[in-house]
């Protein structure tokens, strides 16, 4: 048998292209269903766990799925904004503790999450280094943000403009990183967390100005009288909030009318949560309240339907590929008739020839299964990261 394996191995080495194609086909057939199963199971666990820990969400009427994905998993689809008045309405009921969320902007591809310090207590988030944001313009970043961007406490990160040319004059905000969160293995690892007022500053609802009475740039002065200085439009808003200029920053308007994308409501108990849901059932109510778990359960039910279709497609493709492999081996035997005839004339029995061909199949299958095992192991090891980056 060892001699058969040796001859088969030498033959496969000589026909590298044919061997590579066969190995690739078998590897894909074996690895694809297992990889898909691992990723779907992990996505289900992550979605369900995150949704179970988020009792109720209040947001604008519309797509409940967009509301949940944006507020719980910091997805790209931004729901219609509501106002801080919705936060006060939840608080005034005395049935739940509200946590405002404003998830709209990004910083170097990562979502900026405007919220309050209550969010960190609710999620059980711990600092790995640094401290929580204590002033306007500071932020706390997730573990994966720090790792991927090579950032640490004391560094800076700049918010990304929503459009290339912002005619409204809203400039990117340079934020100091006050702290880095410990790995949480959730969407929080990918977040850039700021105080909700900082998120409003990013939107342009609050800003600061230079002290024109102390400026040395005469081009920004439109008119200067005794005790009175008038600046022109060249006067720039600050793009960084520091201890020296924080007093010049202010918000325009009533904060109760400022935007949030959702309110995370934490009811005192199940009864309080049910009563609170009942208060949002009227047609005249402008907001909706949803249980993220119910929304995700509906999503997972649809995913299971898709999984069944994918399983059927993979089975059909796998069957077709196996038939193609059988055809390749059959054609290979036809092409190797002269070679087999020479082996037979040299005195080898038909059983020996069968051993040689069987050894080739065994070697190809063994190599394919080995590669498949490595791929599946890597996917299993990095399944959480893959699911967060690809699915959530």
Foldseek 3Di string as FASTA:
>chain_A
DVVLLVVLVVVCVVVVVVLVVLLVLLLCLVQVVLLVVLLLVLLLVQLQVQLVLFFKKKFFPDDPVLLCCCFRQVDQRFDDWAFLLVQVVLVVVVFWHKWFWAWHWAWPRFIEIATDPVVCVSLVWDFPDFDCDDAAQAKEAAQVVCVVVVDAQQDWTWIDDPDPDDPVQQDIAIGGYRTYIDHPLHSRNRYIYDHNVNVCSNVVQKWFFDPVVPDPDCQQWPDDDVVDTDGDPVTHTDRYDDPVTRVRMDGPDDRRGDITRMMRIGGPDPVSSVVVQVVQPDPPRRMHMDRSNVVVVVVSVVVVVVVVVVVVVSVVVSVVSVVVVVVVVVVVCVVCVVVVVVVVVVPDDVVSVVSSSVSSVVVSSVSSVVVSVVVSVVCSVCSSVCCSVPPD
